[in-house]
Amino acid sequence: MLFPRVSEWISIVAFAALMVLAWQRNLNRVRQAKVAGLGAAAIGVTVFASMILPLAVPPATASVVRDSVPCLLLLLFYSQAGQFVTGADFELEKRLERLDQRWLCRPLEWCSGRRIGVWILTCLEAAYFYYYVSIPLSVGVLYWLGKQRDADYFWTVVLVAAYGSCGMLPFIQTRPPRMLGEKWSVCLPSGNVRTLNLWILRHGSIQANTIPSAHVAIATASALALLEIAPLWVGLSFLGAAIGVALGAVAGRYHYAVDVILGFALAAAAFLAVTAAW
């Protein structure tokens, strides 16, 4: 009899936990129904991919589908956790913004006032966009290297980091700095890449900030997992790209600096814990 993998059990528990939390919180019935529906869908897809699909299709096909399903689960969990967002902690936002003003104002002013600086900011926008392809690309690299058997380990590291980040939304709620109209922040140069990033966030995000940053936590966790199971140059390449995601997140005002720091810390903790227990 087929059983779920470790990473699949983690997904089942994470989605079920938010379903239980929704009924304990003072959410309206529409939000509670959405949390329950998204959770049931995610758990159903996970069980189907792990226990039913392998009995119905060739092993190679079942493996590809099973190893790709967590990409969908990341989106579903983000949406499910987003149903808990009902406001913002304005005092926390002010504290985070003051730290960013102290740390980032001068570097952003320097970049915005120089041609090479504008080029740097454009590259960081492209690095931030890379996040959206980083996870499918990571899975593709696993298959390219013949490391399919390590997919469960890879996804366990990534999902622990992802669920740990998005799972904080019911407890810590802030708006992204780009939505605050920061008076100290310089006018960031517009361009096609930034326009695309803003369009994706406008139509595909929950319009709330994740602390720790989910972008950074997920990108870094996937890079650290690849450092463990793939050739060194592969892991270092993905780690460099994850650092680019982090820099792009703060430079583009998509995240506060603290979000990024905590995202790195969460990814490292997930990697160390999973690796020690594996």
C-alpha atoms as a PDB file:
ATOM      1  CA  MET A   1       0.000   0.000   0.000  1.00  0.00           C
ATOM      2  CA  LEU A   2       1.261   3.459  -0.881  1.00  0.00           C
ATOM      3  CA  PHE A   3       1.698   6.073   1.836  1.00  0.00           C
ATOM      4  CA  PRO A   4       2.366   9.825   1.743  1.00  0.00           C
ATOM      5  CA  ARG A   5       5.965  10.991   1.924  1.00  0.00           C
ATOM      6  CA  VAL A   6       7.301  13.141   4.756  1.00  0.00           C
ATOM      7  CA  SER A   7       6.791  16.321   2.735  1.00  0.00           C
ATOM      8  CA  GLU A   8       3.232  15.264   1.910  1.00  0.00           C
ATOM      9  CA  TRP A   9       2.395  14.616   5.552  1.00  0.00           C
ATOM     10  CA  ILE A  10       3.739  18.079   6.358  1.00  0.00           C
ATOM     11  CA  SER A  11       1.388  19.567   3.765  1.00  0.00           C
ATOM     12  CA  ILE A  12      -1.602  17.664   5.120  1.00  0.00           C
ATOM     13  CA  VAL A  13      -0.886  18.807   8.676  1.00  0.00           C
ATOM     14  CA  ALA A  14      -0.261  22.440   7.640  1.00  0.00           C
ATOM     15  CA  PHE A  15      -3.490  22.803   5.670  1.00  0.00           C
ATOM     16  CA  ALA A  16      -5.501  21.010   8.349  1.00  0.00           C
ATOM     17  CA  ALA A  17      -4.043  23.281  11.036  1.00  0.00           C
ATOM     18  CA  LEU A  18      -5.254  26.422   9.257  1.00  0.00           C
ATOM     19  CA  MET A  19      -8.678  24.833   8.787  1.00  0.00           C
ATOM     20  CA  VAL A  20      -8.931  24.286  12.535  1.00  0.00           C
ATOM     21  CA  LEU A  21      -7.587  27.772  13.284  1.00  0.00           C
ATOM     22  CA  ALA A  22     -10.186  29.361  10.998  1.00  0.00           C
ATOM     23  CA  TRP A  23     -13.006  28.013  13.121  1.00  0.00           C
ATOM     24  CA  GLN A  24     -11.337  29.201  16.311  1.00  0.00           C
ATOM     25  CA  ARG A  25     -10.805  32.732  14.995  1.00  0.00           C
ATOM     26  CA  ASN A  26     -13.475  35.378  14.593  1.00  0.00           C
ATOM     27  CA  LEU A  27     -13.546  35.076  10.797  1.00  0.00           C
ATOM     28  CA  ASN A  28     -16.754  35.569   8.872  1.00  0.00           C
ATOM     29  CA  ARG A  29     -18.383  32.532   7.324  1.00  0.00           C
ATOM     30  CA  VAL A  30     -17.227  33.336   3.816  1.00  0.00           C
ATOM     31  CA  ARG A  31     -13.590  33.379   4.902  1.00  0.00           C
ATOM     32  CA  GLN A  32     -14.038  30.244   6.970  1.00  0.00           C
ATOM     33  CA  ALA A  33     -15.569  28.491   3.968  1.00  0.00           C
ATOM     34  CA  LYS A  34     -12.656  29.569   1.756  1.00  0.00           C
ATOM     35  CA  VAL A  35     -10.114  28.307   4.270  1.00  0.00           C
ATOM     36  CA  ALA A  36     -11.949  24.992   4.499  1.00  0.00           C
ATOM     37  CA  GLY A  37     -12.329  24.711   0.732  1.00  0.00           C
ATOM     38  CA  LEU A  38      -8.690  25.492  -0.031  1.00  0.00           C
ATOM     39  CA  GLY A  39      -7.541  23.124   2.704  1.00  0.00           C
ATOM     40  CA  ALA A  40      -9.769  20.289   1.540  1.00  0.00           C
ATOM     41  CA  ALA A  41      -8.649  20.780  -2.065  1.00  0.00           C
ATOM     42  CA  ALA A  42      -4.968  20.755  -1.102  1.00  0.00           C
ATOM     43  CA  ILE A  43      -5.295  17.679   1.090  1.00  0.00           C
ATOM     44  CA  GLY A  44      -7.310  15.927  -1.615  1.00  0.00           C
ATOM     45  CA  VAL A  45      -4.718  16.681  -4.291  1.00  0.00           C
ATOM     46  CA  THR A  46      -1.920  15.509  -2.001  1.00  0.00           C
ATOM     47  CA  VAL A  47      -3.631  12.216  -1.176  1.00  0.00           C
ATOM     48  CA  PHE A  48      -4.538  11.635  -4.824  1.00  0.00           C
ATOM     49  CA  ALA A  49      -0.994  12.266  -6.051  1.00  0.00           C
ATOM     50  CA  SER A  50       0.589  10.100  -3.369  1.00  0.00           C
ATOM     51  CA  MET A  51      -1.791   7.156  -3.041  1.00  0.00           C
ATOM     52  CA  ILE A  52      -4.082   6.932  -6.068  1.00  0.00           C
ATOM     53  CA  LEU A  53      -2.265   8.290  -9.110  1.00  0.00           C
ATOM     54  CA  PRO A  54       0.688   5.840  -8.836  1.00  0.00           C
ATOM     55  CA  LEU A  55      -1.800   2.989  -9.208  1.00  0.00           C
ATOM     56  CA  ALA A  56      -3.317   4.398 -12.396  1.00  0.00           C
ATOM     57  CA  VAL A  57      -0.416   5.667 -14.520  1.00  0.00           C
ATOM     58  CA  PRO A  58       3.152   4.588 -15.352  1.00  0.00           C
ATOM     59  CA  PRO A  59       5.724   5.210 -12.582  1.00  0.00           C
ATOM     60  CA  ALA A  60       7.570   7.911 -14.536  1.00  0.00           C
ATOM     61  CA  THR A  61       4.385   9.913 -15.083  1.00  0.00           C
ATOM     62  CA  ALA A  62       3.291   9.493 -11.472  1.00  0.00           C
ATOM     63  CA  SER A  63       6.708  10.646 -10.263  1.00  0.00           C
ATOM     64  CA  VAL A  64       6.684  13.836 -12.345  1.00  0.00           C
ATOM     65  CA  VAL A  65       3.163  14.755 -11.235  1.00  0.00           C
ATOM     66  CA  ARG A  66       3.831  13.912  -7.603  1.00  0.00           C
ATOM     67  CA  ASP A  67       7.019  15.971  -7.531  1.00  0.00           C
ATOM     68  CA  SER A  68       5.247  18.916  -9.181  1.00  0.00           C
ATOM     69  CA  VAL A  69       2.142  19.030  -6.965  1.00  0.00           C
ATOM     70  CA  PRO A  70       3.906  20.981  -4.159  1.00  0.00           C
ATOM     71  CA  CYS A  71       4.284  23.909  -6.579  1.00  0.00           C
ATOM     72  CA  LEU A  72       0.478  24.128  -6.545  1.00  0.00           C
ATOM     73  CA  LEU A  73       0.362  23.592  -2.785  1.00  0.00           C
ATOM     74  CA  LEU A  74       2.560  26.648  -2.220  1.00  0.00           C
ATOM     75  CA  LEU A  75      -0.017  28.822  -3.979  1.00  0.00           C
ATOM     76  CA  LEU A  76      -2.946  27.202  -2.183  1.00  0.00           C
ATOM     77  CA  PHE A  77      -1.380  27.622   1.256  1.00  0.00           C
ATOM     78  CA  TYR A  78      -0.530  31.249   0.537  1.00  0.00           C
ATOM     79  CA  SER A  79      -4.156  31.856  -0.474  1.00  0.00           C
ATOM     80  CA  GLN A  80      -5.487  29.922   2.498  1.00  0.00           C
ATOM     81  CA  ALA A  81      -3.338  31.849   4.978  1.00  0.00           C
ATOM     82  CA  GLY A  82      -4.330  35.085   3.257  1.00  0.00           C
ATOM     83  CA  GLN A  83      -7.929  34.586   4.348  1.00  0.00           C
ATOM     84  CA  PHE A  84      -6.834  35.424   7.895  1.00  0.00           C
ATOM     85  CA  VAL A  85      -5.658  38.898   6.905  1.00  0.00           C
ATOM     86  CA  THR A  86      -8.245  41.361   8.205  1.00  0.00           C
ATOM     87  CA  GLY A  87      -6.157  44.432   8.971  1.00  0.00           C
ATOM     88  CA  ALA A  88      -2.655  45.705   9.629  1.00  0.00           C
ATOM     89  CA  ASP A  89      -0.506  46.379  12.671  1.00  0.00           C
ATOM     90  CA  PHE A  90       0.214  50.058  12.010  1.00  0.00           C
ATOM     91  CA  GLU A  91       2.655  50.398  14.897  1.00  0.00           C
ATOM     92  CA  LEU A  92       4.734  47.481  13.649  1.00  0.00           C
ATOM     93  CA  GLU A  93       4.693  48.960  10.150  1.00  0.00           C
ATOM     94  CA  LYS A  94       6.098  52.246  11.501  1.00  0.00           C
ATOM     95  CA  ARG A  95       8.899  50.434  13.311  1.00  0.00           C
ATOM     96  CA  LEU A  96       9.833  48.406  10.244  1.00  0.00           C
ATOM     97  CA  GLU A  97       9.704  51.511   8.056  1.00  0.00           C
ATOM     98  CA  ARG A  98      11.963  53.459  10.433  1.00  0.00           C
ATOM     99  CA  LEU A  99      14.541  50.684  10.293  1.00  0.00           C
ATOM    100  CA  ASP A 100      14.408  50.664   6.495  1.00  0.00           C
ATOM    101  CA  GLN A 101      14.795  54.441   6.396  1.00  0.00           C
ATOM    102  CA  ARG A 102      17.904  54.149   8.535  1.00  0.00           C
ATOM    103  CA  TRP A 103      19.387  51.267   6.528  1.00  0.00           C
ATOM    104  CA  LEU A 104      18.224  51.816   2.952  1.00  0.00           C
ATOM    105  CA  CYS A 105      17.563  55.494   2.297  1.00  0.00           C
ATOM    106  CA  ARG A 106      21.106  56.432   1.294  1.00  0.00           C
ATOM    107  CA  PRO A 107      21.794  53.365  -0.899  1.00  0.00           C
ATOM    108  CA  LEU A 108      18.506  53.845  -2.766  1.00  0.00           C
ATOM    109  CA  GLU A 109      19.171  57.557  -3.226  1.00  0.00           C
ATOM    110  CA  TRP A 110      22.623  56.754  -4.612  1.00  0.00           C
ATOM    111  CA  CYS A 111      21.237  54.170  -7.060  1.00  0.00           C
ATOM    112  CA  SER A 112      18.402  56.372  -8.269  1.00  0.00           C
ATOM    113  CA  GLY A 113      20.730  59.286  -9.007  1.00  0.00           C
ATOM    114  CA  ARG A 114      23.245  57.428 -11.153  1.00  0.00           C
ATOM    115  CA  ARG A 115      23.026  55.539 -14.425  1.00  0.00           C
ATOM    116  CA  ILE A 116      24.853  52.524 -13.040  1.00  0.00           C
ATOM    117  CA  GLY A 117      22.585  52.630 -10.001  1.00  0.00           C
ATOM    118  CA  VAL A 118      19.490  52.525 -12.191  1.00  0.00           C
ATOM    119  CA  TRP A 119      21.005  49.531 -13.970  1.00  0.00           C
ATOM    120  CA  ILE A 120      21.603  47.847 -10.598  1.00  0.00           C
ATOM    121  CA  LEU A 121      17.998  48.430  -9.533  1.00  0.00           C
ATOM    122  CA  THR A 122      16.763  47.009 -12.842  1.00  0.00           C
ATOM    123  CA  CYS A 123      18.892  43.893 -12.336  1.00  0.00           C
ATOM    124  CA  LEU A 124      17.482  43.508  -8.833  1.00  0.00           C
ATOM    125  CA  GLU A 125      13.947  43.743 -10.231  1.00  0.00           C
ATOM    126  CA  ALA A 126      14.845  40.905 -12.605  1.00  0.00           C
ATOM    127  CA  ALA A 127      16.294  38.941  -9.687  1.00  0.00           C
ATOM    128  CA  TYR A 128      13.060  39.412  -7.741  1.00  0.00           C
ATOM    129  CA  PHE A 129      11.078  38.150 -10.743  1.00  0.00           C
ATOM    130  CA  TYR A 130      13.293  35.048 -10.818  1.00  0.00           C
ATOM    131  CA  TYR A 131      11.495  33.816  -7.694  1.00  0.00           C
ATOM    132  CA  TYR A 132       8.436  32.896  -9.748  1.00  0.00           C
ATOM    133  CA  VAL A 133      10.407  30.368 -11.796  1.00  0.00           C
ATOM    134  CA  SER A 134      12.877  29.283  -9.114  1.00  0.00           C
ATOM    135  CA  ILE A 135      10.909  26.350  -7.711  1.00  0.00           C
ATOM    136  CA  PRO A 136       9.858  24.721 -11.023  1.00  0.00           C
ATOM    137  CA  LEU A 137      13.421  25.281 -12.192  1.00  0.00           C
ATOM    138  CA  SER A 138      14.771  23.583  -9.067  1.00  0.00           C
ATOM    139  CA  VAL A 139      12.578  20.532  -9.635  1.00  0.00           C
ATOM    140  CA  GLY A 140      13.674  20.455 -13.267  1.00  0.00           C
ATOM    141  CA  VAL A 141      17.321  20.490 -12.152  1.00  0.00           C
ATOM    142  CA  LEU A 142      16.657  17.532  -9.841  1.00  0.00           C
ATOM    143  CA  TYR A 143      15.384  15.529 -12.802  1.00  0.00           C
ATOM    144  CA  TRP A 144      18.174  16.760 -15.060  1.00  0.00           C
ATOM    145  CA  LEU A 145      20.725  15.524 -12.514  1.00  0.00           C
ATOM    146  CA  GLY A 146      18.892  12.227 -11.991  1.00  0.00           C
ATOM    147  CA  LYS A 147      18.151  13.135  -8.367  1.00  0.00           C
ATOM    148  CA  GLN A 148      14.428  12.350  -8.406  1.00  0.00           C
ATOM    149  CA  ARG A 149      14.791  10.157  -5.319  1.00  0.00           C
ATOM    150  CA  ASP A 150      15.809  13.246  -3.352  1.00  0.00           C
ATOM    151  CA  ALA A 151      12.590  15.102  -4.206  1.00  0.00           C
ATOM    152  CA  ASP A 152      11.018  14.300  -0.839  1.00  0.00           C
ATOM    153  CA  TYR A 153      13.987  15.766   1.032  1.00  0.00           C
ATOM    154  CA  PHE A 154      14.005  18.823  -1.231  1.00  0.00           C
ATOM    155  CA  TRP A 155      10.314  19.476  -0.769  1.00  0.00           C
ATOM    156  CA  THR A 156      10.465  18.883   2.991  1.00  0.00           C
ATOM    157  CA  VAL A 157      13.061  21.652   3.370  1.00  0.00           C
ATOM    158  CA  VAL A 158      11.176  24.026   1.063  1.00  0.00           C
ATOM    159  CA  LEU A 159       7.714  23.385   2.501  1.00  0.00           C
ATOM    160  CA  VAL A 160       8.820  23.747   6.118  1.00  0.00           C
ATOM    161  CA  ALA A 161      10.229  27.176   5.212  1.00  0.00           C
ATOM    162  CA  ALA A 162       7.211  28.134   3.094  1.00  0.00           C
ATOM    163  CA  TYR A 163       4.574  27.040   5.584  1.00  0.00           C
ATOM    164  CA  GLY A 164       6.550  28.619   8.422  1.00  0.00           C
ATOM    165  CA  SER A 165       6.527  31.967   6.608  1.00  0.00           C
ATOM    166  CA  CYS A 166       2.968  32.070   5.282  1.00  0.00           C
ATOM    167  CA  GLY A 167       1.730  30.431   8.456  1.00  0.00           C
ATOM    168  CA  MET A 168       2.544  33.630  10.342  1.00  0.00           C
ATOM    169  CA  LEU A 169      -0.099  35.616   8.452  1.00  0.00           C
ATOM    170  CA  PRO A 170      -2.864  34.825  10.977  1.00  0.00           C
ATOM    171  CA  PHE A 171      -0.657  36.311  13.707  1.00  0.00           C
ATOM    172  CA  ILE A 172       1.431  39.108  12.120  1.00  0.00           C
ATOM    173  CA  GLN A 173      -0.282  41.353   9.577  1.00  0.00           C
ATOM    174  CA  THR A 174       1.348  44.289   7.835  1.00  0.00           C
ATOM    175  CA  ARG A 175       1.127  45.974   4.449  1.00  0.00           C
ATOM    176  CA  PRO A 176       4.025  45.770   1.993  1.00  0.00           C
ATOM    177  CA  PRO A 177       6.191  48.917   2.098  1.00  0.00           C
ATOM    178  CA  ARG A 178       5.362  49.690  -1.548  1.00  0.00           C
ATOM    179  CA  MET A 179       1.785  50.383  -0.422  1.00  0.00           C
ATOM    180  CA  LEU A 180       2.683  52.862   2.321  1.00  0.00           C
ATOM    181  CA  GLY A 181       3.735  55.835   0.212  1.00  0.00           C
ATOM    182  CA  GLU A 182       6.978  56.178   2.133  1.00  0.00           C
ATOM    183  CA  LYS A 183       8.012  59.832   2.242  1.00  0.00           C
ATOM    184  CA  TRP A 184      11.696  59.017   2.606  1.00  0.00           C
ATOM    185  CA  SER A 185      11.765  56.502  -0.256  1.00  0.00           C
ATOM    186  CA  VAL A 186      13.120  57.840  -3.537  1.00  0.00           C
ATOM    187  CA  CYS A 187      11.184  57.494  -6.777  1.00  0.00           C
ATOM    188  CA  LEU A 188      12.337  54.110  -8.011  1.00  0.00           C
ATOM    189  CA  PRO A 189      13.015  53.917 -11.747  1.00  0.00           C
ATOM    190  CA  SER A 190      10.178  52.352 -13.673  1.00  0.00           C
ATOM    191  CA  GLY A 191      10.764  49.797 -16.389  1.00  0.00           C
ATOM    192  CA  ASN A 192       9.288  46.745 -18.032  1.00  0.00           C
ATOM    193  CA  VAL A 193      10.532  44.336 -15.369  1.00  0.00           C
ATOM    194  CA  ARG A 194       9.236  46.416 -12.457  1.00  0.00           C
ATOM    195  CA  THR A 195       5.942  46.917 -14.273  1.00  0.00           C
ATOM    196  CA  LEU A 196       5.662  43.143 -14.658  1.00  0.00           C
ATOM    197  CA  ASN A 197       6.490  42.526 -10.996  1.00  0.00           C
ATOM    198  CA  LEU A 198       3.887  45.045  -9.863  1.00  0.00           C
ATOM    199  CA  TRP A 199       1.296  43.555 -12.219  1.00  0.00           C
ATOM    200  CA  ILE A 200       1.875  40.073 -10.797  1.00  0.00           C
ATOM    201  CA  LEU A 201       1.570  41.349  -7.239  1.00  0.00           C
ATOM    202  CA  ARG A 202      -1.501  43.404  -8.053  1.00  0.00           C
ATOM    203  CA  HIS A 203      -3.347  40.438  -9.580  1.00  0.00           C
ATOM    204  CA  GLY A 204      -1.802  37.437  -7.841  1.00  0.00           C
ATOM    205  CA  SER A 205      -0.984  38.445  -4.279  1.00  0.00           C
ATOM    206  CA  ILE A 206      -3.140  38.765  -1.169  1.00  0.00           C
ATOM    207  CA  GLN A 207      -1.984  42.403  -0.765  1.00  0.00           C
ATOM    208  CA  ALA A 208      -0.396  41.634   2.583  1.00  0.00           C
ATOM    209  CA  ASN A 209       3.177  41.248   3.768  1.00  0.00           C
ATOM    210  CA  THR A 210       4.677  37.953   4.918  1.00  0.00           C
ATOM    211  CA  ILE A 211       7.027  38.142   7.894  1.00  0.00           C
ATOM    212  CA  PRO A 212       9.396  36.307   7.368  1.00  0.00           C
ATOM    213  CA  SER A 213       9.468  36.941   3.626  1.00  0.00           C
ATOM    214  CA  ALA A 214       8.039  33.913   1.813  1.00  0.00           C
ATOM    215  CA  HIS A 215       9.917  34.855  -1.355  1.00  0.00           C
ATOM    216  CA  VAL A 216      13.254  34.824   0.432  1.00  0.00           C
ATOM    217  CA  ALA A 217      12.517  31.821   2.645  1.00  0.00           C
ATOM    218  CA  ILE A 218      11.415  29.637  -0.269  1.00  0.00           C
ATOM    219  CA  ALA A 219      14.166  30.682  -2.677  1.00  0.00           C
ATOM    220  CA  THR A 220      16.845  30.251  -0.009  1.00  0.00           C
ATOM    221  CA  ALA A 221      15.476  26.930   1.244  1.00  0.00           C
ATOM    222  CA  SER A 222      15.477  25.484  -2.259  1.00  0.00           C
ATOM    223  CA  ALA A 223      19.066  26.666  -2.774  1.00  0.00           C
ATOM    224  CA  LEU A 224      20.240  25.147   0.509  1.00  0.00           C
ATOM    225  CA  ALA A 225      18.530  21.855  -0.311  1.00  0.00           C
ATOM    226  CA  LEU A 226      20.276  21.795  -3.682  1.00  0.00           C
ATOM    227  CA  LEU A 227      23.602  22.496  -1.968  1.00  0.00           C
ATOM    228  CA  GLU A 228      23.043  19.264  -0.046  1.00  0.00           C
ATOM    229  CA  ILE A 229      21.980  16.995  -2.917  1.00  0.00           C
ATOM    230  CA  ALA A 230      23.355  18.571  -6.103  1.00  0.00           C
ATOM    231  CA  PRO A 231      26.848  19.500  -7.307  1.00  0.00           C
ATOM    232  CA  LEU A 232      28.331  22.470  -5.466  1.00  0.00           C
ATOM    233  CA  TRP A 233      28.152  24.807  -8.449  1.00  0.00           C
ATOM    234  CA  VAL A 234      24.436  24.159  -8.832  1.00  0.00           C
ATOM    235  CA  GLY A 235      23.685  24.940  -5.190  1.00  0.00           C
ATOM    236  CA  LEU A 236      25.857  28.043  -5.205  1.00  0.00           C
ATOM    237  CA  SER A 237      24.173  29.300  -8.380  1.00  0.00           C
ATOM    238  CA  PHE A 238      20.744  28.989  -6.799  1.00  0.00           C
ATOM    239  CA  LEU A 239      21.994  30.530  -3.553  1.00  0.00           C
ATOM    240  CA  GLY A 240      23.331  33.527  -5.454  1.00  0.00           C
ATOM    241  CA  ALA A 241      19.964  33.886  -7.166  1.00  0.00           C
ATOM    242  CA  ALA A 242      18.211  33.707  -3.771  1.00  0.00           C
ATOM    243  CA  ILE A 243      20.384  36.550  -2.514  1.00  0.00           C
ATOM    244  CA  GLY A 244      19.321  38.487  -5.611  1.00  0.00           C
ATOM    245  CA  VAL A 245      15.676  37.843  -4.717  1.00  0.00           C
ATOM    246  CA  ALA A 246      16.317  39.232  -1.230  1.00  0.00           C
ATOM    247  CA  LEU A 247      18.063  42.352  -2.483  1.00  0.00           C
ATOM    248  CA  GLY A 248      15.358  42.907  -5.084  1.00  0.00           C
ATOM    249  CA  ALA A 249      12.679  42.541  -2.417  1.00  0.00           C
ATOM    250  CA  VAL A 250      14.020  45.405  -0.308  1.00  0.00           C
ATOM    251  CA  ALA A 251      15.238  47.603  -3.181  1.00  0.00           C
ATOM    252  CA  GLY A 252      11.863  47.418  -4.911  1.00  0.00           C
ATOM    253  CA  ARG A 253      10.063  48.009  -1.575  1.00  0.00           C
ATOM    254  CA  TYR A 254       8.262  44.689  -1.859  1.00  0.00           C
ATOM    255  CA  HIS A 255       9.472  43.721   1.618  1.00  0.00           C
ATOM    256  CA  TYR A 256      10.992  45.301   4.685  1.00  0.00           C
ATOM    257  CA  ALA A 257      14.610  44.498   5.453  1.00  0.00           C
ATOM    258  CA  VAL A 258      13.585  42.629   8.609  1.00  0.00           C
ATOM    259  CA  ASP A 259      11.346  40.368   6.499  1.00  0.00           C
ATOM    260  CA  VAL A 260      14.325  39.407   4.373  1.00  0.00           C
ATOM    261  CA  ILE A 261      16.623  38.753   7.325  1.00  0.00           C
ATOM    262  CA  LEU A 262      14.012  36.557   8.982  1.00  0.00           C
ATOM    263  CA  GLY A 263      13.393  34.795   5.661  1.00  0.00           C
ATOM    264  CA  PHE A 264      17.071  33.799   5.496  1.00  0.00           C
ATOM    265  CA  ALA A 265      16.995  32.677   9.126  1.00  0.00           C
ATOM    266  CA  LEU A 266      13.846  30.584   8.631  1.00  0.00           C
ATOM    267  CA  ALA A 267      15.259  28.881   5.536  1.00  0.00           C
ATOM    268  CA  ALA A 268      18.502  28.073   7.355  1.00  0.00           C
ATOM    269  CA  ALA A 269      16.608  26.702  10.355  1.00  0.00           C
ATOM    270  CA  ALA A 270      14.393  24.552   8.120  1.00  0.00           C
ATOM    271  CA  PHE A 271      17.416  23.224   6.250  1.00  0.00           C
ATOM    272  CA  LEU A 272      19.383  22.394   9.400  1.00  0.00           C
ATOM    273  CA  ALA A 273      16.408  20.771  11.150  1.00  0.00           C
ATOM    274  CA  VAL A 274      15.358  18.632   8.186  1.00  0.00           C
ATOM    275  CA  THR A 275      18.921  17.623   7.332  1.00  0.00           C
ATOM    276  CA  ALA A 276      19.630  16.600  10.934  1.00  0.00           C
ATOM    277  CA  ALA A 277      16.449  14.527  11.098  1.00  0.00           C
ATOM    278  CA  TRP A 278      16.687  12.960   7.623  1.00  0.00           C
END
